[in-house]
């Protein structure tokens, strides 16, 4: 059982471009309508990093930047947890095609971006932060795994932690093997104590596997089940309209993650 506080949510998904415009949709005040995302070029990244960074990196850094700007924490104080179920799908596709060519040659920049912690590395470069980061994957339970890891670090070390979860769909033919509905990225900050920006006080518990909390909107529910990072949607909806509630998140085949939440 781990208790902590949540603040500074950020989101990037079809029809959910940024927290300020997404909050009324997540709270149920407005209907959800999917719309293409822009090609993000986060200002925080140096020009060279923006050119070299992949779409996955730019998406992850975009929400991390939004979360940081919504908080009062300097980047140098934030430990980072970056969670993605598949890493960079476009780079994986490019490398598979390259090694399958008659004369296999992999671009150095492509290889540079292929590692799972590339977005975390770009984030550290962009902010100049020397704080540790971790990068993890847990298939469809990736968001819950990232949240649990961030919560353990937050409570165990008594310091704020930036959590970033993101996934983009593969291009074909890999999309056929691992279908994802669309891109999704979320970021939020966990703190061990309440701050002036805290939205929710949460207690995390591992529990027996059970049904995860669903979204009332059919479109948002399709998005939730269509991307591992989007399993965050019930929690984001509660942060958009804070109220006492329990949330169940997909985690492992034999275990789920429950959050007992109260508004601050």
C-alpha atoms as a PDB file:
ATOM      1  CA  UNK A   1       0.000   0.000   0.000  1.00  0.00           C
ATOM      2  CA  UNK A   2       1.517   3.306  -1.136  1.00  0.00           C
ATOM      3  CA  UNK A   3       0.083   6.765  -0.459  1.00  0.00           C
ATOM      4  CA  UNK A   4       0.947   9.819  -2.544  1.00  0.00           C
ATOM      5  CA  UNK A   5      -0.357  12.927  -4.310  1.00  0.00           C
ATOM      6  CA  UNK A   6      -0.871  13.626  -8.018  1.00  0.00           C
ATOM      7  CA  UNK A   7      -0.572  16.897  -9.914  1.00  0.00           C
ATOM      8  CA  UNK A   8       0.248  18.509 -13.274  1.00  0.00           C
ATOM      9  CA  UNK A   9      -1.494  16.107 -15.696  1.00  0.00           C
ATOM     10  CA  UNK A  10      -0.707  16.350 -19.411  1.00  0.00           C
ATOM     11  CA  UNK A  11      -2.141  14.454 -22.366  1.00  0.00           C
ATOM     12  CA  UNK A  12      -1.696  14.072 -26.117  1.00  0.00           C
ATOM     13  CA  UNK A  13      -4.057  11.800 -28.045  1.00  0.00           C
ATOM     14  CA  UNK A  14      -6.497  12.000 -30.976  1.00  0.00           C
ATOM     15  CA  UNK A  15      -9.041  14.644 -29.943  1.00  0.00           C
ATOM     16  CA  UNK A  16      -7.182  15.301 -26.674  1.00  0.00           C
ATOM     17  CA  UNK A  17      -4.464  17.798 -27.527  1.00  0.00           C
ATOM     18  CA  UNK A  18      -3.250  19.228 -24.231  1.00  0.00           C
ATOM     19  CA  UNK A  19      -4.774  19.245 -20.750  1.00  0.00           C
ATOM     20  CA  UNK A  20      -6.618  22.569 -20.883  1.00  0.00           C
ATOM     21  CA  UNK A  21      -8.658  21.604 -23.950  1.00  0.00           C
ATOM     22  CA  UNK A  22      -9.026  17.965 -22.867  1.00  0.00           C
ATOM     23  CA  UNK A  23     -10.233  18.535 -19.315  1.00  0.00           C
ATOM     24  CA  UNK A  24     -13.869  19.360 -20.289  1.00  0.00           C
ATOM     25  CA  UNK A  25     -13.965  16.200 -22.426  1.00  0.00           C
ATOM     26  CA  UNK A  26     -12.502  13.993 -19.712  1.00  0.00           C
ATOM     27  CA  UNK A  27     -14.868  15.431 -17.097  1.00  0.00           C
ATOM     28  CA  UNK A  28     -17.886  14.733 -19.320  1.00  0.00           C
ATOM     29  CA  UNK A  29     -18.752  18.390 -19.929  1.00  0.00           C
ATOM     30  CA  UNK A  30     -18.051  18.007 -23.659  1.00  0.00           C
ATOM     31  CA  UNK A  31     -18.393  15.096 -26.060  1.00  0.00           C
ATOM     32  CA  UNK A  32     -15.295  13.322 -27.268  1.00  0.00           C
ATOM     33  CA  UNK A  33     -14.411  13.672 -30.935  1.00  0.00           C
ATOM     34  CA  UNK A  34     -11.260  12.103 -32.322  1.00  0.00           C
ATOM     35  CA  UNK A  35      -8.998  14.385 -34.369  1.00  0.00           C
ATOM     36  CA  UNK A  36      -5.449  14.011 -35.724  1.00  0.00           C
ATOM     37  CA  UNK A  37      -2.603  15.185 -33.532  1.00  0.00           C
ATOM     38  CA  UNK A  38      -0.147  17.809 -34.780  1.00  0.00           C
ATOM     39  CA  UNK A  39       3.456  16.865 -35.497  1.00  0.00           C
ATOM     40  CA  UNK A  40       4.841  17.935 -32.142  1.00  0.00           C
ATOM     41  CA  UNK A  41       8.133  19.818 -31.953  1.00  0.00           C
ATOM     42  CA  UNK A  42       8.584  20.473 -28.214  1.00  0.00           C
ATOM     43  CA  UNK A  43      10.184  23.856 -27.561  1.00  0.00           C
ATOM     44  CA  UNK A  44      12.242  22.441 -24.720  1.00  0.00           C
ATOM     45  CA  UNK A  45      14.273  20.283 -27.121  1.00  0.00           C
ATOM     46  CA  UNK A  46      17.317  21.901 -28.757  1.00  0.00           C
ATOM     47  CA  UNK A  47      16.985  22.309 -32.530  1.00  0.00           C
ATOM     48  CA  UNK A  48      19.356  19.420 -33.253  1.00  0.00           C
ATOM     49  CA  UNK A  49      17.443  17.105 -30.920  1.00  0.00           C
ATOM     50  CA  UNK A  50      14.141  18.086 -32.525  1.00  0.00           C
ATOM     51  CA  UNK A  51      15.532  17.105 -35.931  1.00  0.00           C
ATOM     52  CA  UNK A  52      17.081  13.844 -34.772  1.00  0.00           C
ATOM     53  CA  UNK A  53      14.403  12.786 -32.319  1.00  0.00           C
ATOM     54  CA  UNK A  54      11.770  10.320 -33.483  1.00  0.00           C
ATOM     55  CA  UNK A  55       7.999  10.756 -33.342  1.00  0.00           C
ATOM     56  CA  UNK A  56       7.864   8.691 -30.131  1.00  0.00           C
ATOM     57  CA  UNK A  57      10.489  10.855 -28.471  1.00  0.00           C
ATOM     58  CA  UNK A  58       8.777  14.083 -29.470  1.00  0.00           C
ATOM     59  CA  UNK A  59       5.416  12.784 -28.225  1.00  0.00           C
ATOM     60  CA  UNK A  60       6.862  11.739 -24.861  1.00  0.00           C
ATOM     61  CA  UNK A  61       8.791  14.990 -24.413  1.00  0.00           C
ATOM     62  CA  UNK A  62       5.715  17.021 -25.430  1.00  0.00           C
ATOM     63  CA  UNK A  63       3.632  15.746 -22.501  1.00  0.00           C
ATOM     64  CA  UNK A  64       6.611  15.850 -20.134  1.00  0.00           C
ATOM     65  CA  UNK A  65       7.138  19.495 -21.066  1.00  0.00           C
ATOM     66  CA  UNK A  66       3.439  20.317 -20.536  1.00  0.00           C
ATOM     67  CA  UNK A  67       3.461  18.634 -17.127  1.00  0.00           C
ATOM     68  CA  UNK A  68       6.620  20.464 -16.080  1.00  0.00           C
ATOM     69  CA  UNK A  69       5.177  23.832 -17.160  1.00  0.00           C
ATOM     70  CA  UNK A  70       1.995  23.159 -15.165  1.00  0.00           C
ATOM     71  CA  UNK A  71       3.985  22.544 -11.985  1.00  0.00           C
ATOM     72  CA  UNK A  72       6.300  24.572  -9.807  1.00  0.00           C
ATOM     73  CA  UNK A  73       8.977  21.874  -9.755  1.00  0.00           C
ATOM     74  CA  UNK A  74      12.266  22.534 -11.557  1.00  0.00           C
ATOM     75  CA  UNK A  75      13.333  19.669 -13.807  1.00  0.00           C
ATOM     76  CA  UNK A  76      16.508  19.223 -11.775  1.00  0.00           C
ATOM     77  CA  UNK A  77      14.393  18.031  -8.817  1.00  0.00           C
ATOM     78  CA  UNK A  78      12.384  15.404 -10.722  1.00  0.00           C
ATOM     79  CA  UNK A  79      13.280  11.750 -11.007  1.00  0.00           C
ATOM     80  CA  UNK A  80      11.754  10.356 -14.217  1.00  0.00           C
ATOM     81  CA  UNK A  81       9.898   7.144 -15.089  1.00  0.00           C
ATOM     82  CA  UNK A  82       9.231   6.622 -18.802  1.00  0.00           C
ATOM     83  CA  UNK A  83       6.857   3.775 -19.706  1.00  0.00           C
ATOM     84  CA  UNK A  84       6.115   2.420 -23.190  1.00  0.00           C
ATOM     85  CA  UNK A  85       4.871  -1.028 -24.159  1.00  0.00           C
ATOM     86  CA  UNK A  86       6.722  -1.180 -27.495  1.00  0.00           C
ATOM     87  CA  UNK A  87       9.236   1.677 -27.533  1.00  0.00           C
ATOM     88  CA  UNK A  88       9.598   3.293 -30.941  1.00  0.00           C
ATOM     89  CA  UNK A  89       7.478   1.524 -33.576  1.00  0.00           C
ATOM     90  CA  UNK A  90       8.704   3.536 -36.571  1.00  0.00           C
ATOM     91  CA  UNK A  91      12.367   3.043 -35.727  1.00  0.00           C
ATOM     92  CA  UNK A  92      11.732  -0.686 -35.213  1.00  0.00           C
ATOM     93  CA  UNK A  93      10.075  -0.850 -38.629  1.00  0.00           C
ATOM     94  CA  UNK A  94      12.937   1.035 -40.284  1.00  0.00           C
ATOM     95  CA  UNK A  95      15.554  -1.235 -38.737  1.00  0.00           C
ATOM     96  CA  UNK A  96      13.674  -4.396 -39.697  1.00  0.00           C
ATOM     97  CA  UNK A  97      13.422  -3.179 -43.290  1.00  0.00           C
ATOM     98  CA  UNK A  98      17.097  -2.179 -43.305  1.00  0.00           C
ATOM     99  CA  UNK A  99      18.415  -5.532 -42.106  1.00  0.00           C
ATOM    100  CA  UNK A 100      16.100  -7.361 -44.548  1.00  0.00           C
ATOM    101  CA  UNK A 101      17.486  -5.408 -47.533  1.00  0.00           C
ATOM    102  CA  UNK A 102      19.951  -7.063 -49.949  1.00  0.00           C
ATOM    103  CA  UNK A 103      22.692  -4.827 -48.521  1.00  0.00           C
ATOM    104  CA  UNK A 104      21.690  -4.293 -44.876  1.00  0.00           C
ATOM    105  CA  UNK A 105      22.766  -0.875 -43.599  1.00  0.00           C
ATOM    106  CA  UNK A 106      21.297   0.713 -40.456  1.00  0.00           C
ATOM    107  CA  UNK A 107      21.473   4.489 -40.119  1.00  0.00           C
ATOM    108  CA  UNK A 108      23.493   5.581 -37.035  1.00  0.00           C
ATOM    109  CA  UNK A 109      20.726   8.025 -36.073  1.00  0.00           C
ATOM    110  CA  UNK A 110      18.138   5.255 -36.482  1.00  0.00           C
ATOM    111  CA  UNK A 111      20.158   2.960 -34.231  1.00  0.00           C
ATOM    112  CA  UNK A 112      20.696   5.809 -31.763  1.00  0.00           C
ATOM    113  CA  UNK A 113      16.912   6.233 -31.450  1.00  0.00           C
ATOM    114  CA  UNK A 114      16.167   2.505 -31.211  1.00  0.00           C
ATOM    115  CA  UNK A 115      16.980   2.054 -27.517  1.00  0.00           C
ATOM    116  CA  UNK A 116      14.039   1.988 -25.121  1.00  0.00           C
ATOM    117  CA  UNK A 117      15.365   4.855 -23.009  1.00  0.00           C
ATOM    118  CA  UNK A 118      15.885   7.271 -25.926  1.00  0.00           C
ATOM    119  CA  UNK A 119      13.022   9.612 -24.850  1.00  0.00           C
ATOM    120  CA  UNK A 120      14.375   9.698 -21.294  1.00  0.00           C
ATOM    121  CA  UNK A 121      17.800  10.582 -22.682  1.00  0.00           C
ATOM    122  CA  UNK A 122      16.409  13.377 -24.834  1.00  0.00           C
ATOM    123  CA  UNK A 123      14.498  14.677 -21.798  1.00  0.00           C
ATOM    124  CA  UNK A 124      17.673  14.794 -19.713  1.00  0.00           C
ATOM    125  CA  UNK A 125      19.500  16.607 -22.516  1.00  0.00           C
ATOM    126  CA  UNK A 126      16.643  19.093 -22.962  1.00  0.00           C
ATOM    127  CA  UNK A 127      16.366  19.971 -19.275  1.00  0.00           C
ATOM    128  CA  UNK A 128      19.991  19.536 -18.258  1.00  0.00           C
ATOM    129  CA  UNK A 129      18.749  17.328 -15.439  1.00  0.00           C
ATOM    130  CA  UNK A 130      21.198  14.969 -13.759  1.00  0.00           C
ATOM    131  CA  UNK A 131      18.429  13.094 -11.927  1.00  0.00           C
ATOM    132  CA  UNK A 132      18.074   9.358 -12.604  1.00  0.00           C
ATOM    133  CA  UNK A 133      15.456   8.061 -15.008  1.00  0.00           C
ATOM    134  CA  UNK A 134      14.129   4.582 -15.661  1.00  0.00           C
ATOM    135  CA  UNK A 135      12.405   3.194 -18.759  1.00  0.00           C
ATOM    136  CA  UNK A 136      10.117   0.172 -18.600  1.00  0.00           C
ATOM    137  CA  UNK A 137       7.577  -1.902 -20.502  1.00  0.00           C
ATOM    138  CA  UNK A 138       4.875  -4.328 -19.341  1.00  0.00           C
ATOM    139  CA  UNK A 139       2.706  -5.006 -22.420  1.00  0.00           C
ATOM    140  CA  UNK A 140      -0.889  -3.880 -21.747  1.00  0.00           C
ATOM    141  CA  UNK A 141      -0.089  -3.235 -18.072  1.00  0.00           C
ATOM    142  CA  UNK A 142       2.611  -0.691 -18.913  1.00  0.00           C
ATOM    143  CA  UNK A 143       0.854   2.356 -17.442  1.00  0.00           C
ATOM    144  CA  UNK A 144       0.118   0.582 -14.159  1.00  0.00           C
ATOM    145  CA  UNK A 145       3.714  -0.700 -14.015  1.00  0.00           C
ATOM    146  CA  UNK A 146       5.032   2.816 -14.599  1.00  0.00           C
ATOM    147  CA  UNK A 147       2.702   4.274 -11.976  1.00  0.00           C
ATOM    148  CA  UNK A 148       3.702   1.632  -9.441  1.00  0.00           C
ATOM    149  CA  UNK A 149       7.414   2.183 -10.102  1.00  0.00           C
ATOM    150  CA  UNK A 150       7.037   5.956  -9.852  1.00  0.00           C
ATOM    151  CA  UNK A 151       4.986   5.624  -6.656  1.00  0.00           C
ATOM    152  CA  UNK A 152       7.587   3.371  -5.025  1.00  0.00           C
ATOM    153  CA  UNK A 153      10.359   5.840  -5.858  1.00  0.00           C
ATOM    154  CA  UNK A 154       8.282   8.814  -4.741  1.00  0.00           C
ATOM    155  CA  UNK A 155       7.425   7.319  -1.373  1.00  0.00           C
ATOM    156  CA  UNK A 156      10.669   5.415  -0.828  1.00  0.00           C
ATOM    157  CA  UNK A 157      12.943   8.365  -1.605  1.00  0.00           C
ATOM    158  CA  UNK A 158      10.606  11.112  -0.417  1.00  0.00           C
ATOM    159  CA  UNK A 159      10.901  13.124  -3.635  1.00  0.00           C
ATOM    160  CA  UNK A 160       8.721  14.138  -6.624  1.00  0.00           C
ATOM    161  CA  UNK A 161       8.688  11.864  -9.664  1.00  0.00           C
ATOM    162  CA  UNK A 162       7.671  12.651 -13.233  1.00  0.00           C
ATOM    163  CA  UNK A 163       5.773   9.765 -14.860  1.00  0.00           C
ATOM    164  CA  UNK A 164       5.506   9.676 -18.666  1.00  0.00           C
ATOM    165  CA  UNK A 165       3.648   6.905 -20.528  1.00  0.00           C
ATOM    166  CA  UNK A 166       3.404   6.826 -24.314  1.00  0.00           C
ATOM    167  CA  UNK A 167       2.764   4.504 -27.245  1.00  0.00           C
ATOM    168  CA  UNK A 168       2.340   4.963 -30.978  1.00  0.00           C
ATOM    169  CA  UNK A 169       0.970   2.301 -33.344  1.00  0.00           C
ATOM    170  CA  UNK A 170       3.281   0.326 -35.591  1.00  0.00           C
ATOM    171  CA  UNK A 171       3.125   0.787 -39.361  1.00  0.00           C
ATOM    172  CA  UNK A 172       2.108  -2.295 -41.355  1.00  0.00           C
ATOM    173  CA  UNK A 173       2.902  -5.150 -41.395  1.00  0.00           C
ATOM    174  CA  UNK A 174       3.918  -4.986 -37.696  1.00  0.00           C
ATOM    175  CA  UNK A 175       0.614  -3.323 -36.858  1.00  0.00           C
ATOM    176  CA  UNK A 176      -1.117  -6.584 -37.781  1.00  0.00           C
ATOM    177  CA  UNK A 177       0.876  -8.414 -35.090  1.00  0.00           C
ATOM    178  CA  UNK A 178       0.468  -5.725 -32.407  1.00  0.00           C
ATOM    179  CA  UNK A 179      -2.558  -3.559 -33.224  1.00  0.00           C
ATOM    180  CA  UNK A 180      -2.843  -0.211 -31.458  1.00  0.00           C
ATOM    181  CA  UNK A 181      -5.702   2.184 -32.117  1.00  0.00           C
ATOM    182  CA  UNK A 182      -3.713   5.425 -32.229  1.00  0.00           C
ATOM    183  CA  UNK A 183      -1.054   7.505 -30.466  1.00  0.00           C
ATOM    184  CA  UNK A 184      -1.406   8.328 -26.804  1.00  0.00           C
ATOM    185  CA  UNK A 185       0.857   9.995 -24.252  1.00  0.00           C
ATOM    186  CA  UNK A 186       0.290  11.072 -20.665  1.00  0.00           C
ATOM    187  CA  UNK A 187       2.449  12.701 -18.010  1.00  0.00           C
ATOM    188  CA  UNK A 188       1.866  13.610 -14.378  1.00  0.00           C
ATOM    189  CA  UNK A 189       3.888  14.342 -11.277  1.00  0.00           C
ATOM    190  CA  UNK A 190       3.741  12.285  -8.085  1.00  0.00           C
ATOM    191  CA  UNK A 191       4.712  13.865  -4.762  1.00  0.00           C
ATOM    192  CA  UNK A 192       5.097  12.343  -1.287  1.00  0.00           C
ATOM    193  CA  UNK A 193       3.396  15.314   0.376  1.00  0.00           C
ATOM    194  CA  UNK A 194       0.537  17.600  -0.589  1.00  0.00           C
ATOM    195  CA  UNK A 195       1.456  20.758  -2.514  1.00  0.00           C
ATOM    196  CA  UNK A 196      -0.535  23.775  -3.663  1.00  0.00           C
ATOM    197  CA  UNK A 197      -0.946  22.063  -7.062  1.00  0.00           C
ATOM    198  CA  UNK A 198      -2.107  18.662  -5.797  1.00  0.00           C
ATOM    199  CA  UNK A 199      -5.329  17.405  -7.394  1.00  0.00           C
ATOM    200  CA  UNK A 200      -5.720  13.946  -5.854  1.00  0.00           C
ATOM    201  CA  UNK A 201      -4.544  12.030  -2.818  1.00  0.00           C
ATOM    202  CA  UNK A 202      -4.206   8.379  -3.810  1.00  0.00           C
ATOM    203  CA  UNK A 203      -3.455   5.082  -2.121  1.00  0.00           C
ATOM    204  CA  UNK A 204      -2.190   2.327  -4.426  1.00  0.00           C
ATOM    205  CA  UNK A 205      -2.861  -1.343  -3.709  1.00  0.00           C
ATOM    206  CA  UNK A 206      -2.122  -4.525  -5.597  1.00  0.00           C
ATOM    207  CA  UNK A 207      -5.214  -6.686  -5.809  1.00  0.00           C
ATOM    208  CA  UNK A 208      -6.493  -9.831  -7.466  1.00  0.00           C
ATOM    209  CA  UNK A 209      -7.184  -9.512 -11.158  1.00  0.00           C
ATOM    210  CA  UNK A 210     -10.586  -7.982 -11.839  1.00  0.00           C
ATOM    211  CA  UNK A 211     -12.366  -5.739 -14.323  1.00  0.00           C
ATOM    212  CA  UNK A 212     -10.626  -2.439 -14.962  1.00  0.00           C
ATOM    213  CA  UNK A 213     -12.478   0.854 -14.618  1.00  0.00           C
ATOM    214  CA  UNK A 214     -14.095   1.770 -17.930  1.00  0.00           C
ATOM    215  CA  UNK A 215     -14.809   5.117 -19.569  1.00  0.00           C
ATOM    216  CA  UNK A 216     -18.450   6.171 -19.983  1.00  0.00           C
ATOM    217  CA  UNK A 217     -17.821   7.560 -23.459  1.00  0.00           C
ATOM    218  CA  UNK A 218     -17.668   4.810 -26.131  1.00  0.00           C
ATOM    219  CA  UNK A 219     -14.998   6.745 -28.012  1.00  0.00           C
ATOM    220  CA  UNK A 220     -12.821   7.191 -24.937  1.00  0.00           C
ATOM    221  CA  UNK A 221     -13.344   3.568 -23.935  1.00  0.00           C
ATOM    222  CA  UNK A 222     -12.193   2.437 -27.381  1.00  0.00           C
ATOM    223  CA  UNK A 223      -9.130   4.634 -26.953  1.00  0.00           C
ATOM    224  CA  UNK A 224      -8.498   3.231 -23.452  1.00  0.00           C
ATOM    225  CA  UNK A 225      -8.479  -0.361 -24.642  1.00  0.00           C
ATOM    226  CA  UNK A 226      -6.714   0.483 -27.911  1.00  0.00           C
ATOM    227  CA  UNK A 227      -3.439   1.787 -26.463  1.00  0.00           C
ATOM    228  CA  UNK A 228      -1.595   0.635 -23.296  1.00  0.00           C
ATOM    229  CA  UNK A 229      -0.721   4.216 -22.309  1.00  0.00           C
ATOM    230  CA  UNK A 230      -4.410   5.122 -22.556  1.00  0.00           C
ATOM    231  CA  UNK A 231      -5.182   2.837 -19.615  1.00  0.00           C
ATOM    232  CA  UNK A 232      -4.498   6.081 -17.744  1.00  0.00           C
ATOM    233  CA  UNK A 233      -7.794   7.595 -18.936  1.00  0.00           C
ATOM    234  CA  UNK A 234      -9.929   6.737 -15.852  1.00  0.00           C
ATOM    235  CA  UNK A 235      -7.329   8.369 -13.626  1.00  0.00           C
ATOM    236  CA  UNK A 236      -7.090  11.402 -15.895  1.00  0.00           C
ATOM    237  CA  UNK A 237     -10.892  11.703 -15.900  1.00  0.00           C
ATOM    238  CA  UNK A 238     -10.828  11.788 -12.100  1.00  0.00           C
ATOM    239  CA  UNK A 239      -8.089  14.429 -12.130  1.00  0.00           C
ATOM    240  CA  UNK A 240     -10.271  16.476 -14.492  1.00  0.00           C
ATOM    241  CA  UNK A 241     -13.190  16.349 -12.040  1.00  0.00           C
ATOM    242  CA  UNK A 242     -11.756  15.371  -8.622  1.00  0.00           C
ATOM    243  CA  UNK A 243     -14.096  13.326  -6.412  1.00  0.00           C
ATOM    244  CA  UNK A 244     -13.750  10.384  -4.014  1.00  0.00           C
ATOM    245  CA  UNK A 245     -13.500   7.215  -6.095  1.00  0.00           C
ATOM    246  CA  UNK A 246     -11.729   3.891  -6.490  1.00  0.00           C
ATOM    247  CA  UNK A 247     -10.058   3.126  -9.832  1.00  0.00           C
ATOM    248  CA  UNK A 248      -8.946  -0.282 -11.066  1.00  0.00           C
ATOM    249  CA  UNK A 249      -6.167  -0.436 -13.676  1.00  0.00           C
ATOM    250  CA  UNK A 250      -5.033  -3.307 -15.897  1.00  0.00           C
ATOM    251  CA  UNK A 251      -1.687  -4.647 -14.696  1.00  0.00           C
ATOM    252  CA  UNK A 252      -0.608  -8.297 -14.693  1.00  0.00           C
ATOM    253  CA  UNK A 253      -2.565 -11.404 -15.752  1.00  0.00           C
ATOM    254  CA  UNK A 254      -2.874 -12.449 -12.089  1.00  0.00           C
ATOM    255  CA  UNK A 255      -2.997  -9.008 -10.466  1.00  0.00           C
ATOM    256  CA  UNK A 256      -4.546  -5.594 -10.862  1.00  0.00           C
ATOM    257  CA  UNK A 257      -3.751  -2.173  -9.418  1.00  0.00           C
ATOM    258  CA  UNK A 258      -6.365  -0.281  -7.405  1.00  0.00           C
ATOM    259  CA  UNK A 259      -6.207   3.422  -6.561  1.00  0.00           C
ATOM    260  CA  UNK A 260      -8.290   4.833  -3.716  1.00  0.00           C
ATOM    261  CA  UNK A 261      -8.540   8.529  -4.592  1.00  0.00           C
ATOM    262  CA  UNK A 262      -9.728  11.646  -2.771  1.00  0.00           C
ATOM    263  CA  UNK A 263      -9.694  15.266  -4.005  1.00  0.00           C
ATOM    264  CA  UNK A 264      -7.260  17.660  -2.383  1.00  0.00           C
END
